[in-house]
Amino acid sequence: MRHTLSIIVADQPGELSRIVGLFSARGFNIHSISVGETLDPHWSRVTIVTHGDDRTIHQIVKQCERLARVREVHDVTTRPHIEREMALITVAASAGATRQDVLGLVSVFRAKVVDISHTHLIVEASGNKEKVDTFIDLLRPFGIADITRTGHIAINRLAANNAAAAAEEEEDEYEHLLRQRR
């Protein structure tokens, strides 16, 4: 199953390497990774997309939490969330009917043209993975010259944050009780 992890880590040299090294040492593949600053300039958010069963992902989360300069780790897949990625696509589109067809797709997908020449357009598309993949598939017959994609970014939905926080506290209490009994 595909999982999206959100990790808040100190904005210091080498921190991303340590996180990636943790995945690599355990044989987990990272399908997408994106890093950006947070409101606090001392911390960055790392968003990682990986595959694994729930038990494996839970283990990765716990191991990431143990890293010295990691403040918090969440598997946002388990909560209602919004995920986005962006793609820049260079597509052949000579003047005339072909260009109009491409511009029609751009409009339908709420993408935008960011550069234009006599023979090509560069289009910016954003949305969930499925939307971006579908847009690219529909542009392929026109002739795609190049594609650049960002990694995924994700954030929990607002209404779900309160309920998710309560459920997480309950889970932490349960784990604490289990450790006390051992």
N, C-alpha and C. Protein backbone atom coordinates (compact mmCIF):
# COMPACT_ATOMS: atom_id res chain seq x y z
N MET A 1 0.84 -1.18 0.00
CA MET A 1 0.00 0.00 0.00
C MET A 1 0.88 1.24 0.00
N ARG A 2 0.44 2.28 -0.68
CA ARG A 2 1.17 3.54 -0.77
C ARG A 2 0.91 4.37 0.48
N HIS A 3 1.99 4.92 1.06
CA HIS A 3 1.89 5.75 2.25
C HIS A 3 2.63 7.05 2.03
N THR A 4 2.09 8.13 2.59
CA THR A 4 2.74 9.43 2.56
C THR A 4 3.10 9.82 3.99
N LEU A 5 4.39 10.03 4.22
CA LEU A 5 4.88 10.39 5.55
C LEU A 5 5.27 11.86 5.56
N SER A 6 4.91 12.55 6.62
CA SER A 6 5.27 13.94 6.82
C SER A 6 6.20 14.00 8.03
N ILE A 7 7.40 14.50 7.83
CA ILE A 7 8.43 14.51 8.87
C ILE A 7 8.91 15.94 9.09
N ILE A 8 8.83 16.42 10.32
CA ILE A 8 9.36 17.73 10.66
C ILE A 8 10.75 17.50 11.25
N VAL A 9 11.75 18.08 10.59
CA VAL A 9 13.14 17.83 10.94
C VAL A 9 13.90 19.16 11.03
N ALA A 10 14.94 19.19 11.86
CA ALA A 10 15.75 20.39 11.99
C ALA A 10 16.33 20.77 10.63
N ASP A 11 16.33 22.06 10.34
CA ASP A 11 16.86 22.55 9.07
C ASP A 11 18.37 22.72 9.22
N GLN A 12 19.07 21.59 9.18
CA GLN A 12 20.53 21.57 9.34
C GLN A 12 21.14 20.65 8.29
N PRO A 13 22.38 20.91 7.91
CA PRO A 13 23.04 20.04 6.93
C PRO A 13 23.09 18.59 7.40
N GLY A 14 22.80 17.68 6.50
CA GLY A 14 22.90 16.25 6.79
C GLY A 14 21.64 15.58 7.30
N GLU A 15 20.64 16.36 7.67
CA GLU A 15 19.43 15.75 8.25
C GLU A 15 18.66 14.93 7.22
N LEU A 16 18.55 15.42 6.00
CA LEU A 16 17.86 14.68 4.95
C LEU A 16 18.60 13.37 4.66
N SER A 17 19.92 13.42 4.67
CA SER A 17 20.73 12.21 4.46
C SER A 17 20.44 11.15 5.51
N ARG A 18 20.29 11.57 6.74
CA ARG A 18 20.03 10.60 7.81
C ARG A 18 18.69 9.92 7.62
N ILE A 19 17.69 10.69 7.19
CA ILE A 19 16.36 10.11 6.97
C ILE A 19 16.39 9.15 5.79
N VAL A 20 16.99 9.59 4.69
CA VAL A 20 17.09 8.73 3.50
C VAL A 20 17.92 7.49 3.83
N GLY A 21 18.97 7.64 4.61
CA GLY A 21 19.80 6.51 5.02
C GLY A 21 19.03 5.49 5.83
N LEU A 22 18.11 5.96 6.66
CA LEU A 22 17.27 5.05 7.45
C LEU A 22 16.43 4.19 6.51
N PHE A 23 15.85 4.79 5.49
CA PHE A 23 15.06 4.03 4.51
C PHE A 23 15.95 3.05 3.76
N SER A 24 17.08 3.53 3.30
CA SER A 24 17.99 2.71 2.50
C SER A 24 18.52 1.52 3.29
N ALA A 25 18.91 1.74 4.53
CA ALA A 25 19.48 0.67 5.36
C ALA A 25 18.48 -0.45 5.60
N ARG A 26 17.21 -0.13 5.57
CA ARG A 26 16.18 -1.13 5.81
C ARG A 26 15.56 -1.66 4.52
N GLY A 27 16.10 -1.24 3.38
CA GLY A 27 15.64 -1.76 2.10
C GLY A 27 14.32 -1.21 1.63
N PHE A 28 13.92 -0.02 2.11
CA PHE A 28 12.67 0.59 1.69
C PHE A 28 12.93 1.58 0.56
N ASN A 29 12.11 1.53 -0.46
CA ASN A 29 12.27 2.44 -1.58
C ASN A 29 11.47 3.71 -1.34
N ILE A 30 12.05 4.84 -1.70
CA ILE A 30 11.35 6.12 -1.64
C ILE A 30 10.89 6.43 -3.05
N HIS A 31 9.59 6.55 -3.25
CA HIS A 31 9.04 6.84 -4.57
C HIS A 31 9.07 8.33 -4.87
N SER A 32 8.95 9.14 -3.83
CA SER A 32 8.94 10.59 -4.01
C SER A 32 9.40 11.22 -2.71
N ILE A 33 10.18 12.29 -2.83
CA ILE A 33 10.61 13.02 -1.64
C ILE A 33 10.59 14.51 -1.96
N SER A 34 10.06 15.28 -1.03
CA SER A 34 9.97 16.72 -1.21
C SER A 34 10.31 17.36 0.13
N VAL A 35 11.08 18.44 0.08
CA VAL A 35 11.49 19.12 1.30
C VAL A 35 11.22 20.61 1.15
N GLY A 36 10.68 21.22 2.17
CA GLY A 36 10.45 22.66 2.15
C GLY A 36 10.46 23.22 3.55
N GLU A 37 10.66 24.51 3.63
CA GLU A 37 10.71 25.15 4.94
C GLU A 37 9.32 25.25 5.54
N THR A 38 9.27 25.38 6.85
CA THR A 38 8.02 25.57 7.58
C THR A 38 7.94 27.04 8.02
N LEU A 39 6.94 27.37 8.79
CA LEU A 39 6.84 28.74 9.30
C LEU A 39 8.03 29.09 10.19
N ASP A 40 8.54 28.10 10.90
CA ASP A 40 9.72 28.29 11.75
C ASP A 40 10.95 27.99 10.92
N PRO A 41 11.85 28.96 10.71
CA PRO A 41 13.01 28.75 9.85
C PRO A 41 13.99 27.69 10.35
N HIS A 42 13.83 27.24 11.58
CA HIS A 42 14.72 26.22 12.13
C HIS A 42 14.28 24.79 11.78
N TRP A 43 13.09 24.66 11.21
CA TRP A 43 12.53 23.34 10.91
C TRP A 43 12.08 23.25 9.46
N SER A 44 12.21 22.06 8.87
CA SER A 44 11.76 21.80 7.51
C SER A 44 10.78 20.62 7.52
N ARG A 45 9.90 20.58 6.53
CA ARG A 45 8.99 19.46 6.37
C ARG A 45 9.47 18.60 5.22
N VAL A 46 9.69 17.32 5.50
CA VAL A 46 10.06 16.34 4.50
C VAL A 46 8.82 15.48 4.24
N THR A 47 8.40 15.40 2.99
CA THR A 47 7.26 14.56 2.62
C THR A 47 7.80 13.41 1.78
N ILE A 48 7.59 12.20 2.26
CA ILE A 48 8.10 11.00 1.58
C ILE A 48 6.94 10.10 1.22
N VAL A 49 6.94 9.62 -0.02
CA VAL A 49 5.96 8.63 -0.46
C VAL A 49 6.72 7.31 -0.62
N THR A 50 6.19 6.26 0.01
CA THR A 50 6.79 4.94 -0.03
C THR A 50 5.69 3.89 -0.07
N HIS A 51 6.06 2.66 -0.26
CA HIS A 51 5.09 1.56 -0.25
C HIS A 51 5.45 0.58 0.87
N GLY A 52 4.42 -0.01 1.46
CA GLY A 52 4.64 -1.01 2.50
C GLY A 52 3.34 -1.31 3.21
N ASP A 53 3.33 -2.41 3.95
CA ASP A 53 2.13 -2.72 4.73
C ASP A 53 2.11 -1.83 5.98
N ASP A 54 0.99 -1.82 6.66
CA ASP A 54 0.82 -0.92 7.81
C ASP A 54 1.86 -1.17 8.90
N ARG A 55 2.19 -2.43 9.14
CA ARG A 55 3.17 -2.76 10.18
C ARG A 55 4.54 -2.20 9.83
N THR A 56 4.94 -2.35 8.57
CA THR A 56 6.24 -1.86 8.12
C THR A 56 6.30 -0.34 8.22
N ILE A 57 5.25 0.33 7.78
CA ILE A 57 5.22 1.79 7.83
C ILE A 57 5.25 2.27 9.27
N HIS A 58 4.51 1.59 10.15
CA HIS A 58 4.53 1.95 11.57
C HIS A 58 5.96 1.84 12.12
N GLN A 59 6.68 0.81 11.70
CA GLN A 59 8.07 0.63 12.13
C GLN A 59 8.95 1.78 11.61
N ILE A 60 8.77 2.17 10.35
CA ILE A 60 9.54 3.29 9.79
C ILE A 60 9.25 4.57 10.57
N VAL A 61 7.98 4.82 10.87
CA VAL A 61 7.61 6.03 11.62
C VAL A 61 8.31 6.04 12.97
N LYS A 62 8.26 4.92 13.67
CA LYS A 62 8.89 4.85 15.00
C LYS A 62 10.40 5.07 14.91
N GLN A 63 11.05 4.50 13.89
CA GLN A 63 12.49 4.67 13.74
C GLN A 63 12.85 6.10 13.37
N CYS A 64 12.03 6.75 12.54
CA CYS A 64 12.27 8.16 12.21
C CYS A 64 12.12 9.04 13.45
N GLU A 65 11.13 8.71 14.28
CA GLU A 65 10.90 9.50 15.50
C GLU A 65 12.10 9.45 16.44
N ARG A 66 12.88 8.38 16.37
CA ARG A 66 14.05 8.22 17.25
C ARG A 66 15.25 9.04 16.81
N LEU A 67 15.23 9.52 15.55
CA LEU A 67 16.36 10.33 15.08
C LEU A 67 16.43 11.61 15.90
N ALA A 68 17.64 12.02 16.22
CA ALA A 68 17.87 13.11 17.18
C ALA A 68 17.18 14.42 16.82
N ARG A 69 17.26 14.84 15.60
CA ARG A 69 16.73 16.15 15.26
C ARG A 69 15.42 16.07 14.46
N VAL A 70 14.64 15.03 14.75
CA VAL A 70 13.30 14.91 14.16
C VAL A 70 12.29 15.30 15.24
N ARG A 71 11.44 16.27 14.93
CA ARG A 71 10.46 16.75 15.91
C ARG A 71 9.19 15.91 15.89
N GLU A 72 8.69 15.57 14.68
CA GLU A 72 7.48 14.76 14.61
C GLU A 72 7.41 14.04 13.27
N VAL A 73 6.71 12.89 13.28
CA VAL A 73 6.53 12.08 12.09
C VAL A 73 5.07 11.64 12.06
N HIS A 74 4.43 11.80 10.90
CA HIS A 74 3.04 11.37 10.76
C HIS A 74 2.86 10.62 9.45
N ASP A 75 2.10 9.56 9.49
CA ASP A 75 1.65 8.89 8.27
C ASP A 75 0.34 9.55 7.91
N VAL A 76 0.38 10.55 7.03
CA VAL A 76 -0.84 11.31 6.71
C VAL A 76 -1.84 10.48 5.93
N THR A 77 -1.41 9.34 5.41
CA THR A 77 -2.30 8.46 4.66
C THR A 77 -3.44 7.96 5.54
N THR A 78 -3.20 7.85 6.83
CA THR A 78 -4.20 7.29 7.74
C THR A 78 -5.28 8.31 8.13
N ARG A 79 -5.12 9.55 7.70
CA ARG A 79 -6.06 10.61 8.05
C ARG A 79 -6.56 11.28 6.77
N PRO A 80 -7.71 11.93 6.83
CA PRO A 80 -8.13 12.71 5.66
C PRO A 80 -7.09 13.80 5.39
N HIS A 81 -6.63 13.86 4.15
CA HIS A 81 -5.56 14.81 3.82
C HIS A 81 -5.68 15.27 2.37
N ILE A 82 -4.91 16.29 2.05
CA ILE A 82 -4.83 16.80 0.69
C ILE A 82 -3.41 16.56 0.21
N GLU A 83 -3.29 15.96 -0.96
CA GLU A 83 -1.99 15.68 -1.57
C GLU A 83 -1.91 16.36 -2.90
N ARG A 84 -0.76 16.93 -3.20
CA ARG A 84 -0.56 17.59 -4.49
C ARG A 84 0.85 17.32 -4.98
N GLU A 85 0.98 17.39 -6.32
CA GLU A 85 2.29 17.41 -6.95
C GLU A 85 2.16 18.33 -8.16
N MET A 86 3.29 18.76 -8.68
CA MET A 86 3.27 19.64 -9.83
C MET A 86 4.14 19.03 -10.93
N ALA A 87 3.76 19.30 -12.17
CA ALA A 87 4.55 18.85 -13.32
C ALA A 87 4.69 20.00 -14.30
N LEU A 88 5.88 20.13 -14.88
CA LEU A 88 6.12 21.02 -16.00
C LEU A 88 6.32 20.12 -17.20
N ILE A 89 5.51 20.33 -18.24
CA ILE A 89 5.49 19.44 -19.40
C ILE A 89 5.73 20.25 -20.66
N THR A 90 6.76 19.87 -21.42
CA THR A 90 7.01 20.49 -22.72
C THR A 90 6.32 19.63 -23.76
N VAL A 91 5.36 20.20 -24.47
CA VAL A 91 4.56 19.45 -25.43
C VAL A 91 4.61 20.13 -26.79
N ALA A 92 4.70 19.33 -27.84
CA ALA A 92 4.68 19.86 -29.20
C ALA A 92 3.29 20.44 -29.48
N ALA A 93 3.26 21.67 -29.96
CA ALA A 93 1.98 22.33 -30.25
C ALA A 93 2.21 23.44 -31.25
N SER A 94 2.30 23.08 -32.51
CA SER A 94 2.43 24.08 -33.57
C SER A 94 1.13 24.88 -33.66
N ALA A 95 1.25 26.07 -34.22
CA ALA A 95 0.08 26.92 -34.37
C ALA A 95 -1.00 26.19 -35.17
N GLY A 96 -2.23 26.43 -34.82
CA GLY A 96 -3.34 25.83 -35.55
C GLY A 96 -4.16 24.91 -34.67
N ALA A 97 -4.75 23.89 -35.29
CA ALA A 97 -5.66 22.98 -34.59
C ALA A 97 -4.98 22.23 -33.45
N THR A 98 -3.74 21.81 -33.68
CA THR A 98 -3.02 21.07 -32.63
C THR A 98 -2.86 21.92 -31.38
N ARG A 99 -2.45 23.16 -31.57
CA ARG A 99 -2.27 24.05 -30.42
C ARG A 99 -3.61 24.28 -29.72
N GLN A 100 -4.68 24.42 -30.46
CA GLN A 100 -6.00 24.62 -29.86
C GLN A 100 -6.44 23.39 -29.06
N ASP A 101 -6.12 22.20 -29.57
CA ASP A 101 -6.45 20.97 -28.84
C ASP A 101 -5.69 20.91 -27.52
N VAL A 102 -4.40 21.24 -27.57
CA VAL A 102 -3.60 21.23 -26.34
C VAL A 102 -4.14 22.28 -25.37
N LEU A 103 -4.44 23.47 -25.85
CA LEU A 103 -4.98 24.52 -24.98
C LEU A 103 -6.34 24.13 -24.39
N GLY A 104 -7.11 23.35 -25.14
CA GLY A 104 -8.38 22.84 -24.61
C GLY A 104 -8.15 21.91 -23.42
N LEU A 105 -7.16 21.02 -23.55
CA LEU A 105 -6.81 20.14 -22.42
C LEU A 105 -6.29 20.93 -21.23
N VAL A 106 -5.47 21.94 -21.52
CA VAL A 106 -4.94 22.80 -20.45
C VAL A 106 -6.09 23.42 -19.68
N SER A 107 -7.09 23.88 -20.38
CA SER A 107 -8.25 24.50 -19.74
C SER A 107 -9.04 23.50 -18.91
N VAL A 108 -9.32 22.33 -19.47
CA VAL A 108 -10.10 21.31 -18.76
C VAL A 108 -9.41 20.89 -17.47
N PHE A 109 -8.09 20.76 -17.50
CA PHE A 109 -7.34 20.30 -16.32
C PHE A 109 -6.90 21.45 -15.41
N ARG A 110 -7.36 22.65 -15.73
CA ARG A 110 -7.00 23.84 -14.94
C ARG A 110 -5.49 23.99 -14.80
N ALA A 111 -4.79 23.64 -15.86
CA ALA A 111 -3.35 23.83 -15.92
C ALA A 111 -3.10 25.22 -16.48
N LYS A 112 -1.84 25.58 -16.68
CA LYS A 112 -1.57 26.87 -17.30
C LYS A 112 -0.31 26.79 -18.16
N VAL A 113 -0.32 27.59 -19.19
CA VAL A 113 0.83 27.69 -20.08
C VAL A 113 1.81 28.67 -19.43
N VAL A 114 3.08 28.22 -19.26
CA VAL A 114 4.08 29.07 -18.62
C VAL A 114 5.15 29.52 -19.61
N ASP A 115 5.22 28.90 -20.79
CA ASP A 115 6.14 29.33 -21.83
C ASP A 115 5.62 28.85 -23.17
N ILE A 116 5.98 29.58 -24.23
CA ILE A 116 5.46 29.25 -25.55
C ILE A 116 6.50 29.60 -26.61
N SER A 117 6.56 28.77 -27.64
CA SER A 117 7.37 29.05 -28.83
C SER A 117 6.52 28.74 -30.05
N HIS A 118 7.11 28.81 -31.23
CA HIS A 118 6.36 28.52 -32.45
C HIS A 118 5.94 27.05 -32.53
N THR A 119 6.70 26.17 -31.87
CA THR A 119 6.44 24.74 -32.02
C THR A 119 6.08 24.01 -30.74
N HIS A 120 6.30 24.62 -29.59
CA HIS A 120 6.07 23.93 -28.31
C HIS A 120 5.42 24.85 -27.29
N LEU A 121 4.83 24.23 -26.28
CA LEU A 121 4.32 24.91 -25.09
C LEU A 121 4.93 24.23 -23.86
N ILE A 122 5.16 25.00 -22.83
CA ILE A 122 5.48 24.41 -21.53
C ILE A 122 4.26 24.67 -20.66
N VAL A 123 3.72 23.57 -20.13
CA VAL A 123 2.48 23.62 -19.36
C VAL A 123 2.78 23.23 -17.92
N GLU A 124 2.18 23.95 -16.99
CA GLU A 124 2.29 23.64 -15.56
C GLU A 124 0.97 23.04 -15.10
N ALA A 125 1.05 21.84 -14.54
CA ALA A 125 -0.15 21.16 -14.03
C ALA A 125 0.07 20.78 -12.58
N SER A 126 -0.95 20.92 -11.77
CA SER A 126 -0.84 20.49 -10.38
C SER A 126 -2.13 19.81 -9.97
N GLY A 127 -2.00 18.94 -8.99
CA GLY A 127 -3.16 18.21 -8.48
C GLY A 127 -2.69 16.92 -7.85
N ASN A 128 -3.62 16.02 -7.61
CA ASN A 128 -3.22 14.73 -7.06
C ASN A 128 -2.52 13.92 -8.16
N LYS A 129 -1.88 12.84 -7.78
CA LYS A 129 -1.09 12.05 -8.72
C LYS A 129 -1.92 11.57 -9.90
N GLU A 130 -3.12 11.12 -9.64
CA GLU A 130 -3.97 10.60 -10.70
C GLU A 130 -4.31 11.68 -11.74
N LYS A 131 -4.60 12.88 -11.27
CA LYS A 131 -4.93 13.97 -12.19
C LYS A 131 -3.72 14.31 -13.07
N VAL A 132 -2.55 14.43 -12.47
CA VAL A 132 -1.35 14.77 -13.24
C VAL A 132 -1.02 13.64 -14.22
N ASP A 133 -1.12 12.39 -13.77
CA ASP A 133 -0.87 11.25 -14.66
C ASP A 133 -1.83 11.24 -15.85
N THR A 134 -3.11 11.48 -15.60
CA THR A 134 -4.11 11.49 -16.67
C THR A 134 -3.83 12.61 -17.67
N PHE A 135 -3.48 13.78 -17.16
CA PHE A 135 -3.17 14.92 -18.04
C PHE A 135 -1.98 14.58 -18.94
N ILE A 136 -0.95 14.00 -18.37
CA ILE A 136 0.23 13.61 -19.15
C ILE A 136 -0.14 12.57 -20.21
N ASP A 137 -0.94 11.59 -19.83
CA ASP A 137 -1.37 10.56 -20.79
C ASP A 137 -2.13 11.17 -21.97
N LEU A 138 -2.97 12.17 -21.70
CA LEU A 138 -3.74 12.80 -22.77
C LEU A 138 -2.87 13.69 -23.66
N LEU A 139 -1.75 14.18 -23.12
CA LEU A 139 -0.83 15.00 -23.92
C LEU A 139 0.13 14.16 -24.76
N ARG A 140 0.35 12.90 -24.40
CA ARG A 140 1.32 12.05 -25.11
C ARG A 140 1.11 12.00 -26.63
N PRO A 141 -0.11 11.86 -27.13
CA PRO A 141 -0.28 11.80 -28.59
C PRO A 141 0.21 13.06 -29.34
N PHE A 142 0.29 14.19 -28.65
CA PHE A 142 0.76 15.42 -29.28
C PHE A 142 2.29 15.45 -29.38
N GLY A 143 2.95 14.67 -28.52
CA GLY A 143 4.41 14.62 -28.51
C GLY A 143 4.98 15.39 -27.34
N ILE A 144 5.29 14.68 -26.29
CA ILE A 144 5.89 15.30 -25.11
C ILE A 144 7.41 15.26 -25.28
N ALA A 145 8.04 16.43 -25.18
CA ALA A 145 9.49 16.53 -25.33
C ALA A 145 10.21 16.37 -24.00
N ASP A 146 9.56 16.78 -22.89
CA ASP A 146 10.21 16.73 -21.59
C ASP A 146 9.16 16.84 -20.49
N ILE A 147 9.46 16.22 -19.36
CA ILE A 147 8.60 16.31 -18.17
C ILE A 147 9.49 16.47 -16.95
N THR A 148 9.12 17.37 -16.07
CA THR A 148 9.75 17.51 -14.77
C THR A 148 8.64 17.50 -13.74
N ARG A 149 8.76 16.60 -12.74
CA ARG A 149 7.72 16.50 -11.71
C ARG A 149 8.32 16.73 -10.33
N THR A 150 7.53 17.36 -9.48
CA THR A 150 7.95 17.52 -8.10
C THR A 150 7.57 16.26 -7.33
N GLY A 151 8.04 16.16 -6.14
CA GLY A 151 7.55 15.12 -5.25
C GLY A 151 6.21 15.55 -4.71
N HIS A 152 5.56 14.66 -4.01
CA HIS A 152 4.25 14.97 -3.42
C HIS A 152 4.44 15.83 -2.19
N ILE A 153 3.47 16.67 -1.95
CA ILE A 153 3.36 17.37 -0.68
C ILE A 153 1.98 17.03 -0.13
N ALA A 154 1.85 17.05 1.17
CA ALA A 154 0.58 16.66 1.78
C ALA A 154 0.36 17.44 3.06
N ILE A 155 -0.92 17.64 3.37
CA ILE A 155 -1.30 18.30 4.61
C ILE A 155 -2.63 17.69 5.07
N ASN A 156 -2.79 17.55 6.36
CA ASN A 156 -4.05 17.01 6.89
C ASN A 156 -5.18 18.01 6.67
N ARG A 157 -6.37 17.47 6.43
CA ARG A 157 -7.54 18.32 6.29
C ARG A 157 -7.84 18.97 7.63
N LEU A 158 -8.41 20.16 7.61
CA LEU A 158 -8.65 20.93 8.84
C LEU A 158 -9.61 20.25 9.79
N ALA A 159 -10.76 19.81 9.33
CA ALA A 159 -11.77 19.21 10.20
C ALA A 159 -11.28 17.91 10.80
N ALA A 160 -10.38 17.24 10.14
CA ALA A 160 -9.90 15.94 10.61
C ALA A 160 -8.82 16.06 11.66
N ASN A 161 -8.18 17.23 11.78
CA ASN A 161 -7.05 17.36 12.70
C ASN A 161 -7.43 17.09 14.15
N ASN A 162 -8.57 17.63 14.61
CA ASN A 162 -8.97 17.45 16.00
C ASN A 162 -9.27 15.98 16.31
N ALA A 163 -10.01 15.33 15.44
CA ALA A 163 -10.36 13.93 15.65
C ALA A 163 -9.11 13.05 15.57
N ALA A 164 -8.22 13.34 14.64
CA ALA A 164 -7.01 12.55 14.47
C ALA A 164 -6.09 12.71 15.68
N ALA A 165 -5.98 13.92 16.20
CA ALA A 165 -5.13 14.16 17.37
C ALA A 165 -5.65 13.37 18.57
N ALA A 166 -6.96 13.34 18.76
CA ALA A 166 -7.54 12.58 19.86
C ALA A 166 -7.28 11.08 19.69
N ALA A 167 -7.42 10.58 18.48
CA ALA A 167 -7.17 9.16 18.22
C ALA A 167 -5.71 8.81 18.43
N GLU A 168 -4.80 9.72 18.04
CA GLU A 168 -3.37 9.48 18.23
C GLU A 168 -3.01 9.46 19.71
N GLU A 169 -3.60 10.36 20.50
CA GLU A 169 -3.36 10.37 21.95
C GLU A 169 -3.83 9.07 22.57
N GLU A 170 -4.99 8.59 22.13
CA GLU A 170 -5.54 7.34 22.63
C GLU A 170 -4.60 6.18 22.29
N GLU A 171 -4.07 6.16 21.08
CA GLU A 171 -3.14 5.10 20.66
C GLU A 171 -1.85 5.16 21.48
N ASP A 172 -1.34 6.38 21.74
CA ASP A 172 -0.13 6.54 22.55
C ASP A 172 -0.35 6.03 23.97
N GLU A 173 -1.54 6.32 24.54
CA GLU A 173 -1.86 5.83 25.89
C GLU A 173 -1.91 4.31 25.90
N TYR A 174 -2.50 3.72 24.88
CA TYR A 174 -2.59 2.26 24.76
C TYR A 174 -1.19 1.65 24.70
N GLU A 175 -0.31 2.21 23.87
CA GLU A 175 1.07 1.70 23.77
C GLU A 175 1.80 1.85 25.10
N HIS A 176 1.55 2.96 25.81
CA HIS A 176 2.19 3.18 27.10
C HIS A 176 1.73 2.12 28.11
N LEU A 177 0.45 1.81 28.10
CA LEU A 177 -0.08 0.77 29.00
C LEU A 177 0.52 -0.60 28.68
N LEU A 178 0.67 -0.90 27.39
CA LEU A 178 1.27 -2.17 26.99
C LEU A 178 2.72 -2.28 27.47
N ARG A 179 3.46 -1.20 27.36
CA ARG A 179 4.87 -1.19 27.82
C ARG A 179 4.95 -1.38 29.33
N GLN A 180 3.98 -0.79 30.08
CA GLN A 180 3.98 -0.91 31.54
C GLN A 180 3.73 -2.36 31.96
N ARG A 181 2.91 -3.07 31.21
CA ARG A 181 2.58 -4.45 31.55
C ARG A 181 3.72 -5.41 31.26
N ARG A 182 4.64 -5.05 30.40
CA ARG A 182 5.76 -5.94 30.03
C ARG A 182 6.80 -6.02 31.09
